[in-house]
Amino acid sequence: MKRLLGMLFTLCLVFSLSTNVFADRILLIPDVPKTPYRGGVGAYEGVVAHSTATPEAPAINIQRYETRTWSNAFVHYAVDWDESIQIADTKYIAYGAGPAANQRFVHVELCETADYVKFKRSYEKYVRLLASILKKNNLSVEKGLWTHNDVRKYLGGTDHEDPFGYLQRHGVSESQFRSDVQRAYNSGEMVGTTREYSPVVHTQGIAY
């Protein structure tokens, strides 16, 4: 019995390490193709910061929506005011911001809300997660932190300009955002699995 429990513990540990867990929950989309980055499996070169443009939809809604529609688009993580959810394995590409970005970067969505208290909670999680992803592959914030708008300007393949329209509505400028990620990176604070949440799931009136 002890041997069996030991084997189960080892398998859980290996699974956690293999998926590069920085989230509160792991709900990976099944059947997604395991396509390596251009530099190889796990060799991402940075992270793209997104926001959802679907107000008040929590991370679990993003995960459920992308489970149904992943062939069109999906990201690696979704972050809301209560939890962060890993949607796809960061060792392989996601379909987050056009072909040029997808073969290089991890993608993280920030769930949008009009409530400042909820924004503050989700923003803090978002910043720490972005820093953790960069630190995992020894990538600098200066070179490795991209936004969807950066991809539009420098790599193409998308016309999206997030997340700054949303962040600015809550008083966060681009320079502050980048500084906040840098501070989280410098502090060495890594996001780890902490606890399970029971988010309110919106099922009507929201695209996700």
C-alpha atoms as a PDB file:
ATOM      1  CA  MET A   1       0.000   0.000   0.000  1.00  0.00           C
ATOM      2  CA  LYS A   2       2.795   2.422   0.924  1.00  0.00           C
ATOM      3  CA  ARG A   3       4.549   1.593  -2.327  1.00  0.00           C
ATOM      4  CA  LEU A   4       1.368   2.310  -4.296  1.00  0.00           C
ATOM      5  CA  LEU A   5       0.875   5.633  -2.527  1.00  0.00           C
ATOM      6  CA  GLY A   6       4.490   6.502  -3.216  1.00  0.00           C
ATOM      7  CA  MET A   7       4.050   5.764  -6.908  1.00  0.00           C
ATOM      8  CA  LEU A   8       0.903   7.898  -7.051  1.00  0.00           C
ATOM      9  CA  PHE A   9       2.701  10.779  -5.343  1.00  0.00           C
ATOM     10  CA  THR A  10       5.572  10.519  -7.821  1.00  0.00           C
ATOM     11  CA  LEU A  11       3.189  10.516 -10.777  1.00  0.00           C
ATOM     12  CA  CYS A  12       1.423  13.616  -9.434  1.00  0.00           C
ATOM     13  CA  LEU A  13       4.746  15.365  -8.945  1.00  0.00           C
ATOM     14  CA  VAL A  14       5.933  14.501 -12.446  1.00  0.00           C
ATOM     15  CA  PHE A  15       2.643  15.724 -13.907  1.00  0.00           C
ATOM     16  CA  SER A  16       2.932  19.014 -12.037  1.00  0.00           C
ATOM     17  CA  LEU A  17       6.474  19.594 -13.219  1.00  0.00           C
ATOM     18  CA  SER A  18       5.690  18.541 -16.781  1.00  0.00           C
ATOM     19  CA  THR A  19       2.917  21.109 -17.127  1.00  0.00           C
ATOM     20  CA  ASN A  20       4.902  23.955 -15.519  1.00  0.00           C
ATOM     21  CA  VAL A  21       2.263  24.645 -12.901  1.00  0.00           C
ATOM     22  CA  PHE A  22       1.946  28.261 -11.782  1.00  0.00           C
ATOM     23  CA  ALA A  23      -1.860  28.254 -11.490  1.00  0.00           C
ATOM     24  CA  ASP A  24      -4.481  27.598  -8.839  1.00  0.00           C
ATOM     25  CA  ARG A  25      -6.062  24.914 -11.009  1.00  0.00           C
ATOM     26  CA  ILE A  26      -5.041  22.812 -14.003  1.00  0.00           C
ATOM     27  CA  LEU A  27      -7.862  22.156 -16.466  1.00  0.00           C
ATOM     28  CA  LEU A  28      -6.044  21.289 -19.664  1.00  0.00           C
ATOM     29  CA  ILE A  29      -8.023  21.199 -22.896  1.00  0.00           C
ATOM     30  CA  PRO A  30      -8.034  17.590 -24.148  1.00  0.00           C
ATOM     31  CA  ASP A  31      -6.885  16.606 -27.647  1.00  0.00           C
ATOM     32  CA  VAL A  32      -4.953  19.815 -28.367  1.00  0.00           C
ATOM     33  CA  PRO A  33      -2.049  19.073 -30.779  1.00  0.00           C
ATOM     34  CA  LYS A  34       1.338  18.990 -29.072  1.00  0.00           C
ATOM     35  CA  THR A  35       3.195  21.325 -31.410  1.00  0.00           C
ATOM     36  CA  PRO A  36       6.634  22.415 -30.137  1.00  0.00           C
ATOM     37  CA  TYR A  37       7.809  26.014 -30.189  1.00  0.00           C
ATOM     38  CA  ARG A  38      10.197  26.963 -32.976  1.00  0.00           C
ATOM     39  CA  GLY A  39      13.091  26.357 -30.569  1.00  0.00           C
ATOM     40  CA  GLY A  40      11.761  22.992 -29.401  1.00  0.00           C
ATOM     41  CA  VAL A  41       9.571  21.524 -26.678  1.00  0.00           C
ATOM     42  CA  GLY A  42       9.312  23.911 -23.722  1.00  0.00           C
ATOM     43  CA  ALA A  43      11.553  26.488 -25.398  1.00  0.00           C
ATOM     44  CA  TYR A  44       9.234  29.474 -25.255  1.00  0.00           C
ATOM     45  CA  GLU A  45      10.886  32.863 -25.755  1.00  0.00           C
ATOM     46  CA  GLY A  46       8.498  35.058 -23.809  1.00  0.00           C
ATOM     47  CA  VAL A  47       4.916  35.578 -22.741  1.00  0.00           C
ATOM     48  CA  VAL A  48       2.082  37.535 -24.344  1.00  0.00           C
ATOM     49  CA  ALA A  49      -0.233  39.450 -22.001  1.00  0.00           C
ATOM     50  CA  HIS A  50      -3.872  39.536 -23.143  1.00  0.00           C
ATOM     51  CA  SER A  51      -7.223  40.665 -21.758  1.00  0.00           C
ATOM     52  CA  THR A  52     -10.481  38.978 -22.632  1.00  0.00           C
ATOM     53  CA  ALA A  53     -12.852  41.798 -23.719  1.00  0.00           C
ATOM     54  CA  THR A  54     -15.725  39.779 -22.196  1.00  0.00           C
ATOM     55  CA  PRO A  55     -16.648  41.736 -19.047  1.00  0.00           C
ATOM     56  CA  GLU A  56     -17.303  39.767 -15.854  1.00  0.00           C
ATOM     57  CA  ALA A  57     -16.619  36.355 -17.433  1.00  0.00           C
ATOM     58  CA  PRO A  58     -14.428  34.388 -14.974  1.00  0.00           C
ATOM     59  CA  ALA A  59     -11.497  32.169 -15.878  1.00  0.00           C
ATOM     60  CA  ILE A  60     -13.558  28.983 -15.764  1.00  0.00           C
ATOM     61  CA  ASN A  61     -15.775  30.376 -18.534  1.00  0.00           C
ATOM     62  CA  ILE A  62     -12.708  31.033 -20.661  1.00  0.00           C
ATOM     63  CA  GLN A  63     -11.531  27.472 -20.118  1.00  0.00           C
ATOM     64  CA  ARG A  64     -14.925  26.006 -20.996  1.00  0.00           C
ATOM     65  CA  TYR A  65     -15.316  28.161 -24.085  1.00  0.00           C
ATOM     66  CA  GLU A  66     -11.850  27.354 -25.391  1.00  0.00           C
ATOM     67  CA  THR A  67     -12.377  23.659 -24.725  1.00  0.00           C
ATOM     68  CA  ARG A  68     -15.171  23.860 -27.306  1.00  0.00           C
ATOM     69  CA  THR A  69     -13.437  26.184 -29.763  1.00  0.00           C
ATOM     70  CA  TRP A  70      -9.710  25.491 -29.359  1.00  0.00           C
ATOM     71  CA  SER A  71      -9.222  24.850 -33.084  1.00  0.00           C
ATOM     72  CA  ASN A  72      -9.831  28.590 -33.623  1.00  0.00           C
ATOM     73  CA  ALA A  73      -8.030  30.004 -30.591  1.00  0.00           C
ATOM     74  CA  PHE A  74      -6.866  29.105 -27.085  1.00  0.00           C
ATOM     75  CA  VAL A  75      -4.351  30.332 -24.529  1.00  0.00           C
ATOM     76  CA  HIS A  76      -2.222  28.720 -21.829  1.00  0.00           C
ATOM     77  CA  TYR A  77      -3.691  30.515 -18.792  1.00  0.00           C
ATOM     78  CA  ALA A  78      -6.734  32.550 -17.795  1.00  0.00           C
ATOM     79  CA  VAL A  79      -6.649  34.729 -14.674  1.00  0.00           C
ATOM     80  CA  ASP A  80      -9.602  36.242 -12.815  1.00  0.00           C
ATOM     81  CA  TRP A  81     -10.243  37.823  -9.410  1.00  0.00           C
ATOM     82  CA  ASP A  82     -10.552  34.459  -7.632  1.00  0.00           C
ATOM     83  CA  GLU A  83      -8.197  32.085  -9.423  1.00  0.00           C
ATOM     84  CA  SER A  84      -5.818  31.387 -12.258  1.00  0.00           C
ATOM     85  CA  ILE A  85      -6.441  28.340 -14.447  1.00  0.00           C
ATOM     86  CA  GLN A  86      -3.924  26.601 -16.672  1.00  0.00           C
ATOM     87  CA  ILE A  87      -5.697  25.692 -19.907  1.00  0.00           C
ATOM     88  CA  ALA A  88      -2.827  24.314 -22.004  1.00  0.00           C
ATOM     89  CA  ASP A  89       0.624  22.846 -21.448  1.00  0.00           C
ATOM     90  CA  THR A  90       3.303  25.532 -21.729  1.00  0.00           C
ATOM     91  CA  LYS A  91       5.717  23.054 -23.298  1.00  0.00           C
ATOM     92  CA  TYR A  92       3.716  23.415 -26.528  1.00  0.00           C
ATOM     93  CA  ILE A  93       2.239  26.282 -28.528  1.00  0.00           C
ATOM     94  CA  ALA A  94      -1.231  27.772 -28.117  1.00  0.00           C
ATOM     95  CA  TYR A  95      -3.260  29.646 -30.731  1.00  0.00           C
ATOM     96  CA  GLY A  96      -3.254  33.022 -29.023  1.00  0.00           C
ATOM     97  CA  ALA A  97      -1.962  35.790 -31.301  1.00  0.00           C
ATOM     98  CA  GLY A  98      -1.149  34.693 -34.838  1.00  0.00           C
ATOM     99  CA  PRO A  99       1.418  32.239 -36.248  1.00  0.00           C
ATOM    100  CA  ALA A 100       4.573  34.279 -35.595  1.00  0.00           C
ATOM    101  CA  ALA A 101       3.748  34.817 -31.927  1.00  0.00           C
ATOM    102  CA  ASN A 102       2.323  31.371 -31.323  1.00  0.00           C
ATOM    103  CA  GLN A 103       5.555  29.605 -32.240  1.00  0.00           C
ATOM    104  CA  ARG A 104       7.467  31.775 -29.765  1.00  0.00           C
ATOM    105  CA  PHE A 105       5.323  32.633 -26.740  1.00  0.00           C
ATOM    106  CA  VAL A 106       3.150  31.519 -23.844  1.00  0.00           C
ATOM    107  CA  HIS A 107      -0.249  33.279 -23.759  1.00  0.00           C
ATOM    108  CA  VAL A 108      -2.048  34.579 -20.644  1.00  0.00           C
ATOM    109  CA  GLU A 109      -5.562  36.090 -20.562  1.00  0.00           C
ATOM    110  CA  LEU A 110      -6.674  38.567 -17.898  1.00  0.00           C
ATOM    111  CA  CYS A 111     -10.423  38.445 -17.250  1.00  0.00           C
ATOM    112  CA  GLU A 112     -12.064  41.867 -17.402  1.00  0.00           C
ATOM    113  CA  THR A 113     -14.294  43.477 -14.781  1.00  0.00           C
ATOM    114  CA  ALA A 114     -15.664  46.940 -14.032  1.00  0.00           C
ATOM    115  CA  ASP A 115     -15.228  46.351 -10.288  1.00  0.00           C
ATOM    116  CA  TYR A 116     -11.942  47.877  -9.098  1.00  0.00           C
ATOM    117  CA  VAL A 117     -11.602  45.530  -6.122  1.00  0.00           C
ATOM    118  CA  LYS A 118     -11.934  42.517  -8.415  1.00  0.00           C
ATOM    119  CA  PHE A 119      -9.576  44.151 -10.898  1.00  0.00           C
ATOM    120  CA  LYS A 120      -6.912  44.662  -8.241  1.00  0.00           C
ATOM    121  CA  ARG A 121      -7.066  41.007  -7.159  1.00  0.00           C
ATOM    122  CA  SER A 122      -6.905  39.704 -10.709  1.00  0.00           C
ATOM    123  CA  TYR A 123      -4.191  42.156 -11.764  1.00  0.00           C
ATOM    124  CA  GLU A 124      -1.906  41.105  -8.917  1.00  0.00           C
ATOM    125  CA  LYS A 125      -2.324  37.438  -9.873  1.00  0.00           C
ATOM    126  CA  TYR A 126      -1.731  38.289 -13.536  1.00  0.00           C
ATOM    127  CA  VAL A 127       1.478  40.218 -12.884  1.00  0.00           C
ATOM    128  CA  ARG A 128       2.912  37.483 -10.659  1.00  0.00           C
ATOM    129  CA  LEU A 129       2.024  34.801 -13.185  1.00  0.00           C
ATOM    130  CA  LEU A 130       3.650  36.667 -16.076  1.00  0.00           C
ATOM    131  CA  ALA A 131       6.813  37.144 -14.003  1.00  0.00           C
ATOM    132  CA  SER A 132       6.841  33.480 -12.981  1.00  0.00           C
ATOM    133  CA  ILE A 133       6.547  32.270 -16.577  1.00  0.00           C
ATOM    134  CA  LEU A 134       9.479  34.438 -17.641  1.00  0.00           C
ATOM    135  CA  LYS A 135      11.601  33.413 -14.681  1.00  0.00           C
ATOM    136  CA  LYS A 136      10.965  29.717 -15.368  1.00  0.00           C
ATOM    137  CA  ASN A 137      12.885  29.954 -18.668  1.00  0.00           C
ATOM    138  CA  ASN A 138      15.392  32.580 -17.473  1.00  0.00           C
ATOM    139  CA  LEU A 139      13.899  35.240 -19.744  1.00  0.00           C
ATOM    140  CA  SER A 140      14.148  38.949 -18.964  1.00  0.00           C
ATOM    141  CA  VAL A 141      11.076  41.135 -18.596  1.00  0.00           C
ATOM    142  CA  GLU A 142      12.601  43.664 -20.989  1.00  0.00           C
ATOM    143  CA  LYS A 143      12.829  41.177 -23.868  1.00  0.00           C
ATOM    144  CA  GLY A 144      10.349  38.493 -22.888  1.00  0.00           C
ATOM    145  CA  LEU A 145       7.219  40.435 -21.876  1.00  0.00           C
ATOM    146  CA  TRP A 146       4.997  41.082 -24.882  1.00  0.00           C
ATOM    147  CA  THR A 147       1.418  42.243 -25.187  1.00  0.00           C
ATOM    148  CA  HIS A 148      -1.139  41.393 -27.838  1.00  0.00           C
ATOM    149  CA  ASN A 149      -0.643  44.948 -29.085  1.00  0.00           C
ATOM    150  CA  ASP A 150       3.130  44.406 -29.369  1.00  0.00           C
ATOM    151  CA  VAL A 151       2.471  41.355 -31.513  1.00  0.00           C
ATOM    152  CA  ARG A 152       0.171  43.406 -33.748  1.00  0.00           C
ATOM    153  CA  LYS A 153       2.837  46.096 -34.195  1.00  0.00           C
ATOM    154  CA  TYR A 154       5.976  43.997 -34.581  1.00  0.00           C
ATOM    155  CA  LEU A 155       5.037  40.480 -35.715  1.00  0.00           C
ATOM    156  CA  GLY A 156       1.616  40.819 -37.329  1.00  0.00           C
ATOM    157  CA  GLY A 157      -0.984  38.116 -37.737  1.00  0.00           C
ATOM    158  CA  THR A 158      -3.444  39.870 -35.411  1.00  0.00           C
ATOM    159  CA  ASP A 159      -5.289  43.183 -35.138  1.00  0.00           C
ATOM    160  CA  HIS A 160      -5.858  43.076 -31.367  1.00  0.00           C
ATOM    161  CA  GLU A 161      -4.547  45.841 -29.103  1.00  0.00           C
ATOM    162  CA  ASP A 162      -5.164  44.416 -25.622  1.00  0.00           C
ATOM    163  CA  PRO A 163      -4.599  44.610 -22.721  1.00  0.00           C
ATOM    164  CA  PHE A 164      -3.895  48.345 -22.399  1.00  0.00           C
ATOM    165  CA  GLY A 165      -7.363  49.696 -23.142  1.00  0.00           C
ATOM    166  CA  TYR A 166      -8.630  47.644 -20.219  1.00  0.00           C
ATOM    167  CA  LEU A 167      -5.707  48.339 -17.891  1.00  0.00           C
ATOM    168  CA  GLN A 168      -5.907  52.076 -18.530  1.00  0.00           C
ATOM    169  CA  ARG A 169      -9.583  52.114 -17.562  1.00  0.00           C
ATOM    170  CA  HIS A 170      -8.382  51.058 -14.122  1.00  0.00           C
ATOM    171  CA  GLY A 171      -5.562  53.601 -14.057  1.00  0.00           C
ATOM    172  CA  VAL A 172      -2.671  51.314 -15.069  1.00  0.00           C
ATOM    173  CA  SER A 173      -0.401  52.685 -17.803  1.00  0.00           C
ATOM    174  CA  GLU A 174       1.868  50.586 -19.996  1.00  0.00           C
ATOM    175  CA  SER A 175       4.955  51.758 -18.123  1.00  0.00           C
ATOM    176  CA  GLN A 176       3.400  50.923 -14.755  1.00  0.00           C
ATOM    177  CA  PHE A 177       2.360  47.486 -16.006  1.00  0.00           C
ATOM    178  CA  ARG A 178       5.880  46.665 -17.171  1.00  0.00           C
ATOM    179  CA  SER A 179       7.341  48.007 -13.930  1.00  0.00           C
ATOM    180  CA  ASP A 180       4.920  45.901 -11.891  1.00  0.00           C
ATOM    181  CA  VAL A 181       5.942  42.733 -13.740  1.00  0.00           C
ATOM    182  CA  GLN A 182       9.607  43.644 -13.244  1.00  0.00           C
ATOM    183  CA  ARG A 183       9.072  44.133  -9.504  1.00  0.00           C
ATOM    184  CA  ALA A 184       7.336  40.754  -9.233  1.00  0.00           C
ATOM    185  CA  TYR A 185      10.197  39.194 -11.197  1.00  0.00           C
ATOM    186  CA  ASN A 186      12.850  40.776  -8.978  1.00  0.00           C
ATOM    187  CA  SER A 187      11.112  39.735  -5.766  1.00  0.00           C
ATOM    188  CA  GLY A 188      11.351  36.075  -6.739  1.00  0.00           C
ATOM    189  CA  GLU A 189       7.724  35.555  -5.780  1.00  0.00           C
ATOM    190  CA  MET A 190       6.478  32.552  -7.716  1.00  0.00           C
ATOM    191  CA  VAL A 191       2.825  31.686  -8.120  1.00  0.00           C
ATOM    192  CA  GLY A 192       2.046  28.190  -6.851  1.00  0.00           C
ATOM    193  CA  THR A 193      -1.016  26.022  -6.423  1.00  0.00           C
ATOM    194  CA  THR A 194      -2.737  27.186  -3.257  1.00  0.00           C
ATOM    195  CA  ARG A 195      -6.389  26.289  -2.937  1.00  0.00           C
ATOM    196  CA  GLU A 196      -9.529  25.407  -4.800  1.00  0.00           C
ATOM    197  CA  TYR A 197     -12.133  28.075  -5.485  1.00  0.00           C
ATOM    198  CA  SER A 198     -15.796  27.953  -6.461  1.00  0.00           C
ATOM    199  CA  PRO A 199     -16.153  30.834  -8.920  1.00  0.00           C
ATOM    200  CA  VAL A 200     -19.538  32.100 -10.063  1.00  0.00           C
ATOM    201  CA  VAL A 201     -20.023  30.785 -13.573  1.00  0.00           C
ATOM    202  CA  HIS A 202     -21.874  33.099 -15.944  1.00  0.00           C
ATOM    203  CA  THR A 203     -23.803  31.088 -18.501  1.00  0.00           C
ATOM    204  CA  GLN A 204     -25.971  33.734 -20.170  1.00  0.00           C
ATOM    205  CA  GLY A 205     -25.236  36.959 -21.970  1.00  0.00           C
ATOM    206  CA  ILE A 206     -21.454  36.491 -22.144  1.00  0.00           C
ATOM    207  CA  ALA A 207     -19.541  35.204 -25.168  1.00  0.00           C
ATOM    208  CA  TYR A 208     -17.337  33.032 -23.000  1.00  0.00           C
END
